[in-house]
N, C-alpha and C. Protein backbone atom coordinates (compact mmCIF):
# COMPACT_ATOMS: atom_id res chain seq x y z
N MET A 1 -4.76 4.23 -15.11
CA MET A 1 -5.45 3.82 -13.70
C MET A 1 -4.35 4.06 -13.06
N THR A 2 -4.43 4.97 -11.67
CA THR A 2 -3.39 5.36 -10.60
C THR A 2 -3.37 4.63 -9.50
N PRO A 3 -2.56 4.15 -9.00
CA PRO A 3 -2.52 3.40 -7.88
C PRO A 3 -3.11 4.21 -6.52
N ALA A 4 -3.44 3.62 -5.82
CA ALA A 4 -3.93 3.78 -4.47
C ALA A 4 -3.00 4.12 -3.61
N GLY A 5 -3.23 5.18 -2.74
CA GLY A 5 -2.18 5.33 -1.36
C GLY A 5 -1.32 6.44 -2.07
N LYS A 6 -0.59 7.19 -0.98
CA LYS A 6 0.01 8.51 -1.11
C LYS A 6 1.23 8.55 -1.51
N GLU A 7 2.24 8.21 -0.68
CA GLU A 7 3.70 8.15 -0.73
C GLU A 7 4.54 6.91 -0.31
N SER A 8 5.39 6.54 -1.00
CA SER A 8 6.18 5.37 -0.57
C SER A 8 7.42 5.86 -0.63
N ALA A 9 8.60 6.28 0.63
CA ALA A 9 10.08 6.25 0.53
C ALA A 9 10.29 7.62 -0.75
N GLY A 10 9.32 8.61 -0.83
CA GLY A 10 9.97 9.53 -1.68
C GLY A 10 9.07 9.58 -3.45
N TRP A 11 8.41 8.01 -3.07
CA TRP A 11 7.33 8.20 -4.65
C TRP A 11 6.05 8.79 -4.35
N ASP A 12 5.91 9.28 -5.22
CA ASP A 12 4.44 9.80 -5.23
C ASP A 12 3.58 8.84 -5.94
N LEU A 13 2.74 7.85 -5.22
CA LEU A 13 2.20 6.67 -5.77
C LEU A 13 1.34 7.04 -6.76
N LEU A 14 0.55 8.29 -6.32
CA LEU A 14 -0.84 8.60 -7.08
C LEU A 14 -0.30 9.13 -8.57
N ARG A 15 0.90 9.52 -8.98
CA ARG A 15 1.20 9.78 -10.21
C ARG A 15 1.90 8.60 -10.94
N LEU A 16 2.08 7.40 -10.23
CA LEU A 16 2.79 6.42 -11.03
C LEU A 16 1.58 5.58 -11.79
N ASP A 17 2.05 4.97 -12.92
CA ASP A 17 1.23 4.45 -13.82
C ASP A 17 0.86 2.70 -13.46
N TYR A 18 0.16 2.48 -12.86
CA TYR A 18 -0.17 1.04 -12.65
C TYR A 18 -1.29 0.37 -13.38
N GLN A 19 -0.88 -0.57 -14.41
CA GLN A 19 -1.74 -1.04 -15.54
C GLN A 19 -1.38 -2.84 -16.00
N PRO A 20 -2.86 -3.29 -16.28
CA PRO A 20 -2.43 -4.77 -16.73
C PRO A 20 -1.38 -4.86 -17.49
N MET A 21 -0.33 -5.77 -17.11
CA MET A 21 0.57 -6.31 -18.08
C MET A 21 -0.07 -6.98 -19.49
N GLN A 22 0.52 -6.41 -20.40
CA GLN A 22 0.22 -6.44 -21.65
C GLN A 22 1.41 -7.48 -22.65
N GLU A 23 1.35 -7.87 -23.62
CA GLU A 23 2.37 -8.68 -24.44
C GLU A 23 3.36 -7.71 -24.75
N ALA A 24 3.04 -6.32 -25.06
CA ALA A 24 3.90 -5.33 -25.80
C ALA A 24 4.92 -5.05 -24.49
N ASP A 25 4.36 -5.57 -23.11
CA ASP A 25 5.36 -4.76 -22.01
C ASP A 25 6.52 -6.00 -21.90
N LEU A 26 6.34 -7.25 -22.40
CA LEU A 26 7.21 -8.27 -21.94
C LEU A 26 9.08 -8.09 -22.51
N PRO A 27 9.04 -7.24 -23.52
CA PRO A 27 10.70 -7.17 -23.58
C PRO A 27 11.22 -6.27 -22.58
N GLU A 28 10.45 -5.24 -21.94
CA GLU A 28 10.94 -4.64 -20.73
C GLU A 28 10.80 -5.30 -19.42
N VAL A 29 9.90 -6.26 -19.20
CA VAL A 29 9.41 -7.08 -18.01
C VAL A 29 10.53 -8.33 -17.97
N LEU A 30 10.83 -8.88 -19.21
CA LEU A 30 12.07 -9.79 -19.18
C LEU A 30 13.32 -9.19 -19.09
N ALA A 31 13.69 -8.14 -19.53
CA ALA A 31 14.81 -7.57 -19.14
C ALA A 31 14.89 -7.11 -17.70
N LEU A 32 13.78 -6.61 -17.03
CA LEU A 32 14.09 -6.34 -15.67
C LEU A 32 14.43 -7.58 -14.70
N GLU A 33 13.49 -8.77 -15.01
CA GLU A 33 13.68 -10.06 -14.65
C GLU A 33 15.04 -10.26 -14.69
N GLN A 34 15.74 -10.41 -15.72
CA GLN A 34 17.09 -10.78 -15.94
C GLN A 34 18.09 -10.02 -15.26
N ARG A 35 17.72 -8.80 -14.77
CA ARG A 35 18.60 -7.97 -13.92
C ARG A 35 18.56 -8.00 -12.57
N VAL A 36 17.29 -8.54 -12.10
CA VAL A 36 17.17 -8.92 -10.67
C VAL A 36 17.22 -10.30 -10.16
N TYR A 37 17.16 -11.03 -10.83
CA TYR A 37 17.13 -12.59 -10.56
C TYR A 37 18.45 -13.37 -10.96
N PRO A 38 19.00 -14.08 -10.38
CA PRO A 38 20.22 -14.84 -10.93
C PRO A 38 19.17 -16.15 -11.56
N HIS A 39 18.23 -16.55 -11.48
CA HIS A 39 17.37 -17.53 -12.31
C HIS A 39 16.16 -17.03 -12.69
N PRO A 40 15.94 -16.08 -13.97
CA PRO A 40 14.91 -15.49 -14.26
C PRO A 40 13.81 -16.56 -14.62
N TRP A 41 12.58 -16.01 -14.89
CA TRP A 41 11.80 -16.62 -15.66
C TRP A 41 12.21 -16.29 -16.99
N THR A 42 11.50 -17.31 -18.18
CA THR A 42 11.83 -16.87 -19.57
C THR A 42 10.70 -16.29 -20.23
N HIS A 43 10.81 -15.82 -21.47
CA HIS A 43 9.83 -15.06 -22.09
C HIS A 43 8.76 -15.77 -22.09
N GLY A 44 8.83 -17.27 -22.64
CA GLY A 44 7.79 -18.39 -22.56
C GLY A 44 6.81 -18.30 -21.25
N ASN A 45 7.78 -18.04 -19.95
CA ASN A 45 6.84 -18.32 -18.74
C ASN A 45 5.84 -17.20 -18.79
N PHE A 46 6.61 -15.94 -19.06
CA PHE A 46 5.46 -14.90 -19.02
C PHE A 46 4.35 -14.82 -20.09
N VAL A 47 5.00 -15.13 -21.36
CA VAL A 47 3.96 -15.28 -22.63
C VAL A 47 2.87 -16.52 -21.91
N ASP A 48 3.07 -17.58 -21.42
CA ASP A 48 2.24 -18.59 -20.97
C ASP A 48 1.46 -17.93 -19.81
N SER A 49 1.76 -17.34 -18.72
CA SER A 49 1.15 -16.38 -17.92
C SER A 49 -0.21 -15.61 -18.66
N LEU A 50 0.52 -14.77 -19.30
CA LEU A 50 -0.53 -14.06 -19.98
C LEU A 50 -1.72 -14.73 -20.82
N LYS A 51 -1.12 -15.72 -21.50
CA LYS A 51 -2.15 -16.45 -22.28
C LYS A 51 -3.02 -17.21 -21.37
N SER A 52 -2.93 -17.59 -20.51
CA SER A 52 -3.57 -18.42 -19.60
C SER A 52 -4.41 -17.36 -18.41
N ASP A 53 -4.36 -15.84 -18.70
CA ASP A 53 -5.17 -14.78 -18.00
C ASP A 53 -4.98 -14.78 -16.85
N TYR A 54 -3.53 -14.71 -16.35
CA TYR A 54 -3.38 -14.81 -14.85
C TYR A 54 -3.41 -13.17 -14.85
N PRO A 55 -3.78 -13.15 -13.63
CA PRO A 55 -3.85 -11.24 -13.41
C PRO A 55 -2.24 -11.04 -13.09
N ALA A 56 -1.90 -10.27 -14.06
CA ALA A 56 -0.60 -9.58 -14.27
C ALA A 56 -0.27 -7.81 -14.02
N TRP A 57 0.43 -7.34 -13.28
CA TRP A 57 0.34 -5.72 -13.60
C TRP A 57 1.85 -5.14 -13.88
N VAL A 58 1.77 -4.36 -14.08
CA VAL A 58 3.18 -3.17 -14.40
C VAL A 58 2.96 -2.10 -13.60
N LEU A 59 3.98 -1.60 -13.06
CA LEU A 59 4.12 -0.35 -12.71
C LEU A 59 5.01 0.51 -13.11
N ARG A 60 4.67 1.57 -13.56
CA ARG A 60 5.74 2.57 -14.45
C ARG A 60 5.79 3.76 -13.98
N ASP A 61 7.06 4.72 -13.96
CA ASP A 61 7.15 5.92 -13.55
C ASP A 61 6.34 6.77 -14.62
N THR A 62 6.36 8.02 -14.14
CA THR A 62 5.34 8.98 -14.62
C THR A 62 6.10 9.00 -16.33
N ASP A 63 7.43 8.84 -16.52
CA ASP A 63 8.30 8.99 -18.00
C ASP A 63 7.91 7.62 -18.79
N GLY A 64 7.14 6.46 -17.93
CA GLY A 64 7.20 5.57 -18.61
C GLY A 64 8.12 4.30 -18.40
N THR A 65 9.14 4.39 -17.69
CA THR A 65 10.39 3.85 -17.25
C THR A 65 9.42 2.36 -16.26
N LEU A 66 9.74 1.34 -16.55
CA LEU A 66 9.24 0.30 -15.78
C LEU A 66 9.72 0.28 -14.40
N LEU A 67 9.18 0.04 -13.48
CA LEU A 67 9.60 0.07 -12.04
C LEU A 67 9.45 -1.41 -11.67
N GLY A 68 8.43 -1.80 -11.57
CA GLY A 68 7.97 -3.09 -11.19
C GLY A 68 6.86 -3.75 -11.92
N TYR A 69 6.56 -5.14 -11.39
CA TYR A 69 5.32 -5.85 -11.83
C TYR A 69 5.16 -7.10 -10.86
N PHE A 70 4.03 -7.62 -11.00
CA PHE A 70 3.82 -8.95 -10.31
C PHE A 70 2.79 -9.88 -11.15
N LEU A 71 2.74 -10.87 -10.94
CA LEU A 71 1.70 -11.79 -11.64
C LEU A 71 1.21 -13.25 -10.43
N LEU A 72 -0.08 -13.37 -10.72
CA LEU A 72 -0.76 -14.06 -9.85
C LEU A 72 -1.20 -15.22 -10.69
N MET A 73 -1.40 -16.37 -9.63
CA MET A 73 -2.29 -17.52 -10.22
C MET A 73 -3.47 -17.79 -9.28
N LEU A 74 -4.63 -18.03 -9.85
CA LEU A 74 -5.76 -18.06 -9.03
C LEU A 74 -6.23 -19.63 -9.07
N VAL A 75 -6.09 -20.37 -7.97
CA VAL A 75 -6.57 -21.55 -7.78
C VAL A 75 -7.78 -21.69 -6.58
N VAL A 76 -8.96 -22.10 -7.00
CA VAL A 76 -10.36 -22.05 -6.26
C VAL A 76 -10.13 -20.72 -5.19
N ASP A 77 -9.96 -20.80 -4.02
CA ASP A 77 -9.91 -19.53 -3.41
C ASP A 77 -8.38 -18.97 -2.80
N GLU A 78 -7.52 -19.18 -3.56
CA GLU A 78 -6.13 -18.89 -3.14
C GLU A 78 -5.48 -18.28 -4.38
N ALA A 79 -5.12 -17.21 -4.10
CA ALA A 79 -4.06 -16.56 -5.03
C ALA A 79 -2.50 -17.05 -4.91
N HIS A 80 -1.66 -17.42 -5.76
CA HIS A 80 -0.31 -17.84 -5.99
C HIS A 80 0.49 -16.80 -6.37
N LEU A 81 1.35 -16.14 -5.79
CA LEU A 81 2.48 -14.81 -6.17
C LEU A 81 3.48 -15.66 -6.99
N LEU A 82 3.06 -15.80 -8.45
CA LEU A 82 4.12 -16.26 -9.21
C LEU A 82 5.42 -15.65 -8.95
N ASN A 83 5.25 -14.31 -9.38
CA ASN A 83 6.52 -13.41 -9.56
C ASN A 83 6.09 -11.94 -9.13
N VAL A 84 6.97 -11.50 -8.49
CA VAL A 84 7.07 -10.25 -8.26
C VAL A 84 8.53 -9.53 -8.26
N ALA A 85 8.80 -8.28 -8.84
CA ALA A 85 9.89 -7.95 -9.18
C ALA A 85 10.06 -6.42 -9.28
N VAL A 86 11.07 -5.87 -8.56
CA VAL A 86 11.26 -4.15 -8.67
C VAL A 86 12.46 -3.87 -9.15
N GLU A 87 12.92 -2.97 -10.04
CA GLU A 87 13.88 -2.69 -10.52
C GLU A 87 15.46 -2.51 -9.44
N GLY A 88 16.26 -3.12 -9.75
CA GLY A 88 17.40 -3.51 -8.19
C GLY A 88 17.76 -1.93 -7.81
N ALA A 89 17.68 -0.79 -8.54
CA ALA A 89 18.46 0.15 -8.23
C ALA A 89 17.25 1.22 -7.54
N ILE A 90 16.27 0.92 -7.18
CA ILE A 90 15.22 1.56 -6.38
C ILE A 90 14.88 0.38 -5.39
N GLN A 91 15.15 -0.60 -5.46
CA GLN A 91 14.49 -1.53 -4.25
C GLN A 91 15.10 -1.07 -2.68
N GLY A 92 14.06 -1.27 -2.00
CA GLY A 92 14.48 -0.54 -0.54
C GLY A 92 13.67 0.49 -0.47
N GLN A 93 12.81 1.00 -1.36
CA GLN A 93 12.22 2.28 -1.12
C GLN A 93 10.69 2.12 -1.25
N GLY A 94 10.14 1.12 -0.99
CA GLY A 94 8.86 1.01 -0.61
C GLY A 94 8.08 0.64 -1.82
N LEU A 95 8.64 0.20 -2.91
CA LEU A 95 7.81 -0.24 -4.17
C LEU A 95 7.44 -1.67 -4.01
N GLY A 96 8.17 -2.61 -3.48
CA GLY A 96 7.92 -4.18 -3.08
C GLY A 96 6.76 -4.17 -2.43
N ARG A 97 7.01 -3.59 -1.28
CA ARG A 97 5.45 -3.66 -0.61
C ARG A 97 4.36 -2.75 -1.01
N PHE A 98 4.52 -1.91 -1.79
CA PHE A 98 3.68 -1.36 -2.72
C PHE A 98 2.73 -2.30 -3.42
N LEU A 99 3.74 -3.24 -4.43
CA LEU A 99 3.21 -3.99 -5.38
C LEU A 99 2.57 -5.33 -4.49
N LEU A 100 2.99 -5.65 -3.71
CA LEU A 100 2.53 -6.65 -2.33
C LEU A 100 1.25 -6.44 -2.35
N ASN A 101 0.86 -5.04 -1.90
CA ASN A 101 -0.34 -4.28 -1.40
C ASN A 101 -1.35 -4.66 -2.67
N GLN A 102 -0.95 -4.19 -3.65
CA GLN A 102 -1.66 -4.45 -4.87
C GLN A 102 -1.90 -5.93 -5.51
N ALA A 103 -1.17 -6.45 -5.30
CA ALA A 103 -1.32 -8.11 -5.56
C ALA A 103 -2.59 -8.57 -4.37
N CYS A 104 -2.26 -7.84 -3.01
CA CYS A 104 -3.36 -8.50 -2.30
C CYS A 104 -4.73 -7.84 -2.56
N SER A 105 -4.54 -6.81 -2.98
CA SER A 105 -6.00 -5.92 -3.27
C SER A 105 -6.69 -6.80 -4.41
N CYS A 106 -5.85 -6.84 -5.21
CA CYS A 106 -6.37 -7.71 -6.41
C CYS A 106 -6.69 -9.02 -6.22
N ALA A 107 -5.95 -9.94 -5.49
CA ALA A 107 -6.50 -11.14 -5.23
C ALA A 107 -7.94 -11.18 -4.16
N ARG A 108 -8.13 -10.02 -3.48
CA ARG A 108 -9.31 -9.87 -2.77
C ARG A 108 -10.55 -9.39 -3.73
N GLN A 109 -10.22 -8.52 -4.43
CA GLN A 109 -11.17 -8.03 -5.53
C GLN A 109 -11.70 -9.50 -6.13
N LEU A 110 -10.82 -10.36 -6.58
CA LEU A 110 -11.23 -11.56 -7.14
C LEU A 110 -11.97 -12.63 -6.36
N GLY A 111 -12.30 -12.39 -5.05
CA GLY A 111 -12.74 -13.41 -4.18
C GLY A 111 -11.95 -14.50 -3.73
N MET A 112 -10.54 -14.15 -3.59
CA MET A 112 -9.47 -15.33 -3.31
C MET A 112 -9.53 -14.71 -1.58
N GLU A 113 -9.33 -16.00 -0.44
CA GLU A 113 -9.22 -15.99 0.61
C GLU A 113 -7.62 -15.90 1.21
N SER A 114 -6.83 -16.37 0.31
CA SER A 114 -5.39 -16.40 0.98
C SER A 114 -4.62 -16.12 -0.06
N MET A 115 -3.31 -15.78 0.14
CA MET A 115 -2.37 -15.58 -1.05
C MET A 115 -1.23 -16.70 -0.37
N LEU A 116 -0.56 -17.42 -1.34
CA LEU A 116 0.33 -18.55 -1.29
C LEU A 116 1.39 -17.90 -1.81
N LEU A 117 3.08 -17.87 -1.37
CA LEU A 117 4.31 -17.75 -2.61
C LEU A 117 5.28 -18.55 -1.79
N GLU A 118 6.38 -18.90 -2.96
CA GLU A 118 7.44 -19.63 -2.67
C GLU A 118 8.59 -18.46 -2.55
N VAL A 119 9.71 -18.77 -1.63
CA VAL A 119 10.89 -17.49 -1.64
C VAL A 119 11.97 -18.47 -1.22
N ARG A 120 12.92 -17.81 -2.11
CA ARG A 120 14.65 -18.80 -1.66
C ARG A 120 14.83 -18.17 -0.06
N PRO A 121 15.47 -19.10 0.57
CA PRO A 121 15.80 -18.90 1.94
C PRO A 121 16.99 -17.68 1.52
N SER A 122 17.70 -17.49 0.54
CA SER A 122 18.98 -17.00 0.38
C SER A 122 18.30 -15.59 0.01
N ASN A 123 16.92 -15.38 -0.58
CA ASN A 123 16.46 -13.86 -0.67
C ASN A 123 16.03 -13.39 0.64
N VAL A 124 16.86 -12.69 1.39
CA VAL A 124 16.49 -12.13 2.48
C VAL A 124 15.62 -10.94 2.58
N ARG A 125 15.91 -10.07 1.49
CA ARG A 125 15.29 -8.92 1.74
C ARG A 125 13.90 -9.24 1.42
N ALA A 126 13.41 -10.02 0.37
CA ALA A 126 12.04 -10.58 0.24
C ALA A 126 11.48 -11.22 1.39
N LEU A 127 12.16 -12.13 2.08
CA LEU A 127 11.76 -12.82 3.33
C LEU A 127 11.23 -11.75 4.26
N ASP A 128 12.14 -10.85 4.38
CA ASP A 128 11.49 -9.69 5.72
C ASP A 128 10.56 -9.12 5.14
N ILE A 129 10.22 -8.62 3.77
CA ILE A 129 9.08 -7.91 3.56
C ILE A 129 7.99 -8.96 3.59
N TYR A 130 8.06 -9.88 3.45
CA TYR A 130 6.67 -10.86 3.33
C TYR A 130 6.59 -11.32 5.02
N GLN A 131 7.54 -11.39 5.79
CA GLN A 131 7.57 -11.64 7.34
C GLN A 131 6.56 -10.42 8.01
N ARG A 132 7.28 -9.05 7.36
CA ARG A 132 6.68 -8.00 8.06
C ARG A 132 5.22 -7.67 7.67
N TYR A 133 4.78 -7.92 6.61
CA TYR A 133 3.85 -8.09 5.84
C TYR A 133 2.59 -8.92 6.70
N GLY A 134 2.88 -10.16 7.37
CA GLY A 134 2.17 -10.86 7.86
C GLY A 134 2.11 -12.08 7.27
N PHE A 135 2.82 -12.51 6.08
CA PHE A 135 3.08 -13.84 5.81
C PHE A 135 3.85 -14.84 6.93
N GLU A 136 3.09 -16.11 6.94
CA GLU A 136 3.63 -17.13 7.72
C GLU A 136 4.06 -18.18 7.03
N SER A 137 5.31 -18.68 7.23
CA SER A 137 5.65 -19.74 6.95
C SER A 137 5.20 -21.15 7.03
N ILE A 138 4.73 -21.93 5.95
CA ILE A 138 3.96 -23.08 5.99
C ILE A 138 4.68 -24.29 5.79
N GLY A 139 5.70 -23.94 5.36
CA GLY A 139 6.57 -25.63 4.89
C GLY A 139 7.64 -25.09 3.94
N ARG A 140 8.39 -26.19 3.19
CA ARG A 140 9.24 -26.01 2.39
C ARG A 140 9.27 -26.98 1.33
N ARG A 141 9.75 -26.74 0.22
CA ARG A 141 9.77 -27.73 -1.12
C ARG A 141 11.16 -27.67 -1.24
N LYS A 142 11.64 -28.67 -0.85
CA LYS A 142 13.03 -29.25 -1.15
C LYS A 142 13.41 -29.10 -2.31
N GLY A 143 14.51 -28.61 -2.76
CA GLY A 143 15.45 -28.41 -4.00
C GLY A 143 14.56 -27.73 -4.98
N TYR A 144 13.74 -26.91 -4.74
CA TYR A 144 12.61 -26.36 -5.38
C TYR A 144 12.95 -25.32 -6.83
N TYR A 145 14.32 -24.57 -6.51
CA TYR A 145 14.91 -23.79 -7.09
C TYR A 145 16.16 -24.24 -7.82
N PRO A 146 16.37 -23.96 -8.94
CA PRO A 146 17.88 -24.12 -9.66
C PRO A 146 18.71 -23.02 -8.73
N ALA A 147 19.80 -23.36 -8.28
CA ALA A 147 21.15 -22.87 -7.46
C ALA A 147 22.27 -22.52 -8.70
N ALA A 148 23.40 -21.92 -7.98
CA ALA A 148 24.45 -22.12 -8.68
C ALA A 148 25.20 -23.43 -8.74
N ASN A 149 26.21 -23.77 -9.46
CA ASN A 149 27.10 -24.81 -9.91
C ASN A 149 26.04 -26.04 -9.77
N SER A 150 25.21 -26.12 -10.78
CA SER A 150 24.09 -27.11 -11.06
C SER A 150 23.44 -27.85 -9.47
N GLN A 151 23.20 -26.80 -8.70
CA GLN A 151 22.75 -27.06 -7.41
C GLN A 151 21.34 -26.58 -7.32
N ARG A 152 20.70 -27.00 -6.11
CA ARG A 152 19.24 -26.57 -5.96
C ARG A 152 19.27 -26.17 -4.92
N GLU A 153 17.86 -25.26 -4.90
CA GLU A 153 17.94 -24.49 -3.54
C GLU A 153 16.33 -24.66 -2.75
N ASP A 154 16.11 -24.92 -1.51
CA ASP A 154 14.67 -25.19 -1.17
C ASP A 154 14.04 -23.92 -1.23
N ALA A 155 12.42 -24.04 -1.44
CA ALA A 155 11.97 -22.86 -1.24
C ALA A 155 10.94 -23.01 0.27
N ILE A 156 10.87 -21.34 0.66
CA ILE A 156 9.83 -21.67 1.68
C ILE A 156 8.69 -21.16 1.16
N VAL A 157 7.73 -21.65 1.90
CA VAL A 157 6.32 -21.46 1.67
C VAL A 157 5.77 -20.77 2.48
N MET A 158 4.84 -19.72 1.91
CA MET A 158 4.46 -18.91 2.82
C MET A 158 2.96 -18.45 2.57
N ARG A 159 2.07 -17.78 3.54
CA ARG A 159 0.59 -17.92 2.99
C ARG A 159 0.34 -16.63 4.05
N TYR A 160 -0.70 -15.98 3.30
CA TYR A 160 -1.44 -14.71 3.94
C TYR A 160 -2.43 -14.94 3.92
N THR A 161 -3.27 -14.58 4.82
CA THR A 161 -4.74 -14.74 4.95
C THR A 161 -5.35 -13.21 4.17
N LEU A 162 -5.94 -13.41 3.49
CA LEU A 162 -6.48 -11.97 3.07
C LEU A 162 -7.84 -11.47 3.63
């Protein structure tokens, strides 16, 4: 399946490969996760999500290189964006927004009315993307994320109406 859309900062989105995440993708997904996040998900987190049939998608270049991915959890009429990532060397080129578009489209097709997510206040790039997309801050989860030196970091909870 090729993704909808035309171009994003030099990427010909029609030529990229956008497919449901499979267990065979997990070694590459986990490696990307470990490169871009200071406190990455574990292999078990991804396996559990796939076994729970959470919508999960990967985005690959024409040569098969993994560029990014996202996972959703569906609860009643709300999709929860559990994880989204773009390879660090190509961040800032529109692929994060593209994956966010795809996640929202997936959620809409599955009958969801809104999307919920948590983001670290220190993840300024992601916060900017979400705010420009139209997500609104609806609260904070105190000490939600692990942080450096055995500390914890809050999560900003955001919602977008689909």
